[in-house]
PDB file of N, CA and C in Angstrom:
ATOM      1  N   MET A   1      -5.062  -7.336  15.006  1.00  0.00           N
ATOM      2  CA  MET A   1      -5.709  -8.292  14.148  1.00  0.00           C
ATOM      3  C   MET A   1      -7.182  -7.988  14.135  1.00  0.00           C
ATOM      4  N   ARG A   2      -7.761  -7.749  15.311  1.00  0.00           N
ATOM      5  CA  ARG A   2      -9.147  -7.459  15.357  1.00  0.00           C
ATOM      6  C   ARG A   2      -9.553  -6.118  14.531  1.00  0.00           C
ATOM      7  N   ARG A   3      -8.651  -5.181  14.696  1.00  0.00           N
ATOM      8  CA  ARG A   3      -8.839  -3.874  14.054  1.00  0.00           C
ATOM      9  C   ARG A   3      -8.864  -4.037  12.479  1.00  0.00           C
ATOM     10  N   THR A   4      -7.954  -4.880  12.054  1.00  0.00           N
ATOM     11  CA  THR A   4      -7.766  -5.199  10.564  1.00  0.00           C
ATOM     12  C   THR A   4      -8.917  -5.901  10.086  1.00  0.00           C
ATOM     13  N   LEU A   5      -9.427  -6.913  10.817  1.00  0.00           N
ATOM     14  CA  LEU A   5     -10.595  -7.688  10.299  1.00  0.00           C
ATOM     15  C   LEU A   5     -11.817  -6.804  10.315  1.00  0.00           C
ATOM     16  N   LEU A   6     -12.041  -5.887  11.362  1.00  0.00           N
ATOM     17  CA  LEU A   6     -13.110  -5.005  11.330  1.00  0.00           C
ATOM     18  C   LEU A   6     -13.064  -4.067  10.229  1.00  0.00           C
ATOM     19  N   ALA A   7     -11.947  -3.602   9.899  1.00  0.00           N
ATOM     20  CA  ALA A   7     -11.792  -2.613   8.732  1.00  0.00           C
ATOM     21  C   ALA A   7     -12.175  -3.403   7.396  1.00  0.00           C
ATOM     22  N   ILE A   8     -11.672  -4.693   7.315  1.00  0.00           N
ATOM     23  CA  ILE A   8     -11.996  -5.365   6.055  1.00  0.00           C
ATOM     24  C   ILE A   8     -13.549  -5.674   5.972  1.00  0.00           C
ATOM     25  N   GLY A   9     -14.091  -6.031   7.023  1.00  0.00           N
ATOM     26  CA  GLY A   9     -15.520  -6.217   7.033  1.00  0.00           C
ATOM     27  C   GLY A   9     -16.304  -4.961   6.655  1.00  0.00           C
ATOM     28  N   ILE A  10     -15.853  -3.819   7.139  1.00  0.00           N
ATOM     29  CA  ILE A  10     -16.505  -2.526   6.733  1.00  0.00           C
ATOM     30  C   ILE A  10     -16.279  -2.255   5.285  1.00  0.00           C
ATOM     31  N   GLY A  11     -15.049  -2.500   4.873  1.00  0.00           N
ATOM     32  CA  GLY A  11     -14.746  -2.348   3.378  1.00  0.00           C
ATOM     33  C   GLY A  11     -15.633  -3.272   2.492  1.00  0.00           C
ATOM     34  N   VAL A  12     -15.907  -4.476   2.920  1.00  0.00           N
ATOM     35  CA  VAL A  12     -16.635  -5.267   2.069  1.00  0.00           C
ATOM     36  C   VAL A  12     -18.106  -4.846   2.068  1.00  0.00           C
ATOM     37  N   LEU A  13     -18.618  -4.371   3.241  1.00  0.00           N
ATOM     38  CA  LEU A  13     -20.053  -3.819   3.408  1.00  0.00           C
ATOM     39  C   LEU A  13     -20.113  -2.516   2.354  1.00  0.00           C
ATOM     40  N   GLY A  14     -18.962  -1.769   2.496  1.00  0.00           N
ATOM     41  CA  GLY A  14     -18.978  -0.547   1.553  1.00  0.00           C
ATOM     42  C   GLY A  14     -18.936  -0.798   0.156  1.00  0.00           C
ATOM     43  N   SER A  15     -18.154  -1.996  -0.241  1.00  0.00           N
ATOM     44  CA  SER A  15     -18.123  -2.428  -1.619  1.00  0.00           C
ATOM     45  C   SER A  15     -19.484  -2.949  -2.102  1.00  0.00           C
ATOM     46  N   MET A  16     -20.244  -3.491  -1.103  1.00  0.00           N
ATOM     47  CA  MET A  16     -21.510  -3.936  -1.593  1.00  0.00           C
ATOM     48  C   MET A  16     -22.521  -2.893  -1.784  1.00  0.00           C
ATOM     49  N   MET A  17     -22.223  -1.741  -1.375  1.00  0.00           N
ATOM     50  CA  MET A  17     -23.079  -0.615  -1.490  1.00  0.00           C
ATOM     51  C   MET A  17     -22.978  -0.015  -2.937  1.00  0.00           C
ATOM     52  N   LEU A  18     -21.943  -0.288  -3.641  1.00  0.00           N
ATOM     53  CA  LEU A  18     -21.737   0.135  -5.019  1.00  0.00           C
ATOM     54  C   LEU A  18     -21.334  -0.992  -5.941  1.00  0.00           C
ATOM     55  N   VAL A  19     -22.223  -1.976  -6.078  1.00  0.00           N
ATOM     56  CA  VAL A  19     -22.038  -3.103  -6.971  1.00  0.00           C
ATOM     57  C   VAL A  19     -22.146  -2.743  -8.423  1.00  0.00           C
ATOM     58  N   PRO A  20     -21.164  -3.157  -9.235  1.00  0.00           N
ATOM     59  CA  PRO A  20     -21.250  -2.776 -10.597  1.00  0.00           C
ATOM     60  C   PRO A  20     -22.259  -3.760 -11.305  1.00  0.00           C
ATOM     61  N   ARG A  21     -23.096  -3.216 -12.132  1.00  0.00           N
ATOM     62  CA  ARG A  21     -24.151  -4.068 -12.844  1.00  0.00           C
ATOM     63  C   ARG A  21     -23.725  -4.008 -14.289  1.00  0.00           C
ATOM     64  N   GLY A  22     -23.902  -5.051 -15.043  1.00  0.00           N
ATOM     65  CA  GLY A  22     -23.580  -5.067 -16.536  1.00  0.00           C
ATOM     66  C   GLY A  22     -23.208  -6.433 -16.999  1.00  0.00           C
ATOM     67  N   ALA A  23     -22.578  -6.553 -18.072  1.00  0.00           N
ATOM     68  CA  ALA A  23     -22.072  -7.799 -18.606  1.00  0.00           C
ATOM     69  C   ALA A  23     -20.553  -7.845 -18.461  1.00  0.00           C
ATOM     70  N   GLY A  24     -20.042  -8.864 -17.730  1.00  0.00           N
ATOM     71  CA  GLY A  24     -18.677  -9.054 -17.656  1.00  0.00           C
ATOM     72  C   GLY A  24     -17.957  -7.827 -16.928  1.00  0.00           C
ATOM     73  N   MET A  25     -17.063  -7.172 -17.706  1.00  0.00           N
ATOM     74  CA  MET A  25     -16.275  -6.059 -17.195  1.00  0.00           C
ATOM     75  C   MET A  25     -16.936  -4.729 -17.718  1.00  0.00           C
ATOM     76  N   GLU A  26     -18.025  -4.920 -18.425  1.00  0.00           N
ATOM     77  CA  GLU A  26     -18.752  -3.731 -18.868  1.00  0.00           C
ATOM     78  C   GLU A  26     -19.701  -3.195 -17.850  1.00  0.00           C
ATOM     79  N   MET A  27     -19.649  -2.088 -17.284  1.00  0.00           N
ATOM     80  CA  MET A  27     -20.472  -1.664 -16.312  1.00  0.00           C
ATOM     81  C   MET A  27     -21.409  -0.582 -16.822  1.00  0.00           C
ATOM     82  N   TYR A  28     -22.702  -0.803 -16.523  1.00  0.00           N
ATOM     83  CA  TYR A  28     -23.747   0.215 -16.924  1.00  0.00           C
ATOM     84  C   TYR A  28     -24.278   0.968 -15.878  1.00  0.00           C
ATOM     85  N   GLU A  29     -24.198   0.466 -14.722  1.00  0.00           N
ATOM     86  CA  GLU A  29     -24.742   1.272 -13.568  1.00  0.00           C
ATOM     87  C   GLU A  29     -24.249   0.582 -12.168  1.00  0.00           C
ATOM     88  N   ARG A  30     -24.126   1.421 -11.108  1.00  0.00           N
ATOM     89  CA  ARG A  30     -23.742   0.890  -9.847  1.00  0.00           C
ATOM     90  C   ARG A  30     -24.878   1.194  -8.810  1.00  0.00           C
ATOM     91  N   LEU A  31     -25.393   0.035  -8.276  1.00  0.00           N
ATOM     92  CA  LEU A  31     -26.359   0.052  -7.279  1.00  0.00           C
ATOM     93  C   LEU A  31     -26.001  -0.770  -6.108  1.00  0.00           C
ATOM     94  N   PRO A  32     -26.684  -0.574  -4.984  1.00  0.00           N
ATOM     95  CA  PRO A  32     -26.502  -1.492  -3.854  1.00  0.00           C
ATOM     96  C   PRO A  32     -26.645  -2.954  -4.148  1.00  0.00           C
ATOM     97  N   PHE A  33     -26.091  -3.888  -3.528  1.00  0.00           N
ATOM     98  CA  PHE A  33     -26.303  -5.326  -3.859  1.00  0.00           C
ATOM     99  C   PHE A  33     -27.632  -5.774  -3.761  1.00  0.00           C
ATOM    100  N   PHE A  34     -28.502  -5.301  -2.753  1.00  0.00           N
ATOM    101  CA  PHE A  34     -29.802  -5.796  -2.568  1.00  0.00           C
ATOM    102  C   PHE A  34     -30.885  -5.200  -3.389  1.00  0.00           C
ATOM    103  N   VAL A  35     -30.526  -4.300  -4.315  1.00  0.00           N
ATOM    104  CA  VAL A  35     -31.535  -3.617  -5.142  1.00  0.00           C
ATOM    105  C   VAL A  35     -31.581  -4.414  -6.424  1.00  0.00           C
ATOM    106  N   SER A  36     -32.723  -4.776  -6.843  1.00  0.00           N
ATOM    107  CA  SER A  36     -32.890  -5.485  -8.151  1.00  0.00           C
ATOM    108  C   SER A  36     -32.744  -4.550  -9.281  1.00  0.00           C
ATOM    109  N   SER A  37     -32.270  -5.017 -10.390  1.00  0.00           N
ATOM    110  CA  SER A  37     -31.997  -4.206 -11.575  1.00  0.00           C
ATOM    111  C   SER A  37     -32.253  -5.044 -12.849  1.00  0.00           C
ATOM    112  N   SER A  38     -32.296  -4.372 -14.079  1.00  0.00           N
ATOM    113  CA  SER A  38     -32.490  -5.052 -15.241  1.00  0.00           C
ATOM    114  C   SER A  38     -31.136  -5.740 -15.678  1.00  0.00           C
ATOM    115  N   TYR A  39     -30.034  -5.307 -15.071  1.00  0.00           N
ATOM    116  CA  TYR A  39     -28.710  -5.861 -15.346  1.00  0.00           C
ATOM    117  C   TYR A  39     -28.227  -6.779 -14.232  1.00  0.00           C
ATOM    118  N   ALA A  40     -27.596  -7.823 -14.662  1.00  0.00           N
ATOM    119  CA  ALA A  40     -27.107  -8.779 -13.586  1.00  0.00           C
ATOM    120  C   ALA A  40     -25.714  -8.102 -12.982  1.00  0.00           C
ATOM    121  N   VAL A  41     -25.370  -8.634 -11.874  1.00  0.00           N
ATOM    122  CA  VAL A  41     -24.103  -8.254 -11.212  1.00  0.00           C
ATOM    123  C   VAL A  41     -22.982  -8.640 -12.177  1.00  0.00           C
ATOM    124  N   ALA A  42     -22.023  -7.685 -12.326  1.00  0.00           N
ATOM    125  CA  ALA A  42     -20.778  -7.928 -13.054  1.00  0.00           C
ATOM    126  C   ALA A  42     -19.801  -8.524 -12.057  1.00  0.00           C
ATOM    127  N   TRP A  43     -19.775  -9.853 -11.904  1.00  0.00           N
ATOM    128  CA  TRP A  43     -19.035 -10.487 -10.828  1.00  0.00           C
ATOM    129  C   TRP A  43     -17.605 -10.381 -10.993  1.00  0.00           C
ATOM    130  N   PRO A  44     -16.969 -10.327 -12.181  1.00  0.00           N
ATOM    131  CA  PRO A  44     -15.380 -10.068 -12.190  1.00  0.00           C
ATOM    132  C   PRO A  44     -15.101  -8.722 -11.685  1.00  0.00           C
ATOM    133  N   ALA A  45     -15.899  -7.709 -12.057  1.00  0.00           N
ATOM    134  CA  ALA A  45     -15.606  -6.409 -11.660  1.00  0.00           C
ATOM    135  C   ALA A  45     -15.842  -6.252 -10.190  1.00  0.00           C
ATOM    136  N   PHE A  46     -16.941  -6.816  -9.691  1.00  0.00           N
ATOM    137  CA  PHE A  46     -17.226  -6.819  -8.247  1.00  0.00           C
ATOM    138  C   PHE A  46     -16.187  -7.386  -7.434  1.00  0.00           C
ATOM    139  N   ILE A  47     -15.755  -8.619  -7.920  1.00  0.00           N
ATOM    140  CA  ILE A  47     -14.624  -9.284  -7.006  1.00  0.00           C
ATOM    141  C   ILE A  47     -13.406  -8.472  -7.004  1.00  0.00           C
ATOM    142  N   LEU A  48     -13.021  -7.890  -8.185  1.00  0.00           N
ATOM    143  CA  LEU A  48     -11.808  -7.039  -8.196  1.00  0.00           C
ATOM    144  C   LEU A  48     -11.977  -5.854  -7.357  1.00  0.00           C
ATOM    145  N   GLN A  49     -13.111  -5.159  -7.430  1.00  0.00           N
ATOM    146  CA  GLN A  49     -13.358  -4.019  -6.641  1.00  0.00           C
ATOM    147  C   GLN A  49     -13.292  -4.333  -5.158  1.00  0.00           C
ATOM    148  N   THR A  50     -13.939  -5.398  -4.779  1.00  0.00           N
ATOM    149  CA  THR A  50     -13.942  -5.791  -3.329  1.00  0.00           C
ATOM    150  C   THR A  50     -12.473  -6.171  -2.817  1.00  0.00           C
ATOM    151  N   ILE A  51     -11.620  -6.875  -3.554  1.00  0.00           N
ATOM    152  CA  ILE A  51     -10.191  -7.206  -3.212  1.00  0.00           C
ATOM    153  C   ILE A  51      -9.499  -5.896  -3.111  1.00  0.00           C
ATOM    154  N   PHE A  52      -9.703  -4.955  -3.989  1.00  0.00           N
ATOM    155  CA  PHE A  52      -8.902  -3.656  -3.887  1.00  0.00           C
ATOM    156  C   PHE A  52      -9.371  -2.963  -2.714  1.00  0.00           C
ATOM    157  N   VAL A  53     -10.634  -2.893  -2.352  1.00  0.00           N
ATOM    158  CA  VAL A  53     -10.993  -2.156  -1.174  1.00  0.00           C
ATOM    159  C   VAL A  53     -10.435  -2.722   0.045  1.00  0.00           C
ATOM    160  N   CYS A  54     -10.636  -4.117   0.165  1.00  0.00           N
ATOM    161  CA  CYS A  54     -10.050  -4.824   1.281  1.00  0.00           C
ATOM    162  C   CYS A  54      -8.607  -4.656   1.642  1.00  0.00           C
ATOM    163  N   VAL A  55      -7.807  -4.667   0.523  1.00  0.00           N
ATOM    164  CA  VAL A  55      -6.309  -4.407   0.721  1.00  0.00           C
ATOM    165  C   VAL A  55      -6.059  -3.040   1.084  1.00  0.00           C
ATOM    166  N   GLY A  56      -6.868  -2.168   0.419  1.00  0.00           N
ATOM    167  CA  GLY A  56      -6.573  -0.768   0.823  1.00  0.00           C
ATOM    168  C   GLY A  56      -6.895  -0.346   2.252  1.00  0.00           C
ATOM    169  N   VAL A  57      -8.048  -0.815   2.739  1.00  0.00           N
ATOM    170  CA  VAL A  57      -8.396  -0.515   4.151  1.00  0.00           C
ATOM    171  C   VAL A  57      -7.503  -1.305   5.127  1.00  0.00           C
ATOM    172  N   ALA A  58      -7.056  -2.425   4.805  1.00  0.00           N
ATOM    173  CA  ALA A  58      -6.120  -3.089   5.687  1.00  0.00           C
ATOM    174  C   ALA A  58      -4.733  -2.479   5.666  1.00  0.00           C
ATOM    175  N   VAL A  59      -4.321  -1.936   4.641  1.00  0.00           N
ATOM    176  CA  VAL A  59      -3.065  -1.092   4.677  1.00  0.00           C
ATOM    177  C   VAL A  59      -3.253   0.156   5.454  1.00  0.00           C
ATOM    178  N   LEU A  60      -4.363   0.816   5.240  1.00  0.00           N
ATOM    179  CA  LEU A  60      -4.558   2.081   5.947  1.00  0.00           C
ATOM    180  C   LEU A  60      -4.730   1.917   7.407  1.00  0.00           C
ATOM    181  N   VAL A  61      -5.404   0.915   7.837  1.00  0.00           N
ATOM    182  CA  VAL A  61      -5.616   0.733   9.233  1.00  0.00           C
ATOM    183  C   VAL A  61      -4.278   0.374   9.975  1.00  0.00           C
ATOM    184  N   ASN A  62      -3.420  -0.312   9.262  1.00  0.00           N
ATOM    185  CA  ASN A  62      -2.151  -0.819   9.900  1.00  0.00           C
ATOM    186  C   ASN A  62      -0.967   0.201   9.777  1.00  0.00           C
ATOM    187  N   LEU A  63      -1.117   1.402   9.146  1.00  0.00           N
ATOM    188  CA  LEU A  63      -0.159   2.356   9.080  1.00  0.00           C
ATOM    189  C   LEU A  63       0.203   2.957  10.495  1.00  0.00           C
ATOM    190  N   ARG A  64       1.365   3.079  10.790  1.00  0.00           N
ATOM    191  CA  ARG A  64       1.770   3.558  12.080  1.00  0.00           C
ATOM    192  C   ARG A  64       1.974   4.996  12.138  1.00  0.00           C
ATOM    193  N   ARG A  65       1.496   5.699  13.060  1.00  0.00           N
ATOM    194  CA  ARG A  65       1.797   7.121  13.137  1.00  0.00           C
ATOM    195  C   ARG A  65       3.150   7.373  13.747  1.00  0.00           C
ATOM    196  N   PRO A  66       3.905   8.347  13.194  1.00  0.00           N
ATOM    197  CA  PRO A  66       5.249   8.536  13.852  1.00  0.00           C
ATOM    198  C   PRO A  66       5.075   9.144  15.198  1.00  0.00           C
ATOM    199  N   ARG A  67       5.854   8.680  16.118  1.00  0.00           N
ATOM    200  CA  ARG A  67       5.783   9.232  17.488  1.00  0.00           C
ATOM    201  C   ARG A  67       6.634  10.445  17.571  1.00  0.00           C
ATOM    202  N   THR A  68       6.129  11.492  18.314  1.00  0.00           N
ATOM    203  CA  THR A  68       6.863  12.766  18.342  1.00  0.00           C
ATOM    204  C   THR A  68       7.418  12.844  19.914  1.00  0.00           C
TER     205      THR A  68
END
């Protein structure tokens, strides 16, 4: 459980490093969350991106290696 939550936290931080900027689902550029830009954060795209990354890292962390 701790390993999964740690991976999800790292996934969220990684997702925040490439935040889509633009209007709605139209993305004009990708910048870190803390960098100001002339475009606003595209919140629907950012939320979908973050959910996808979190589910992906949670699945990858919990895959079991076959024992030999």
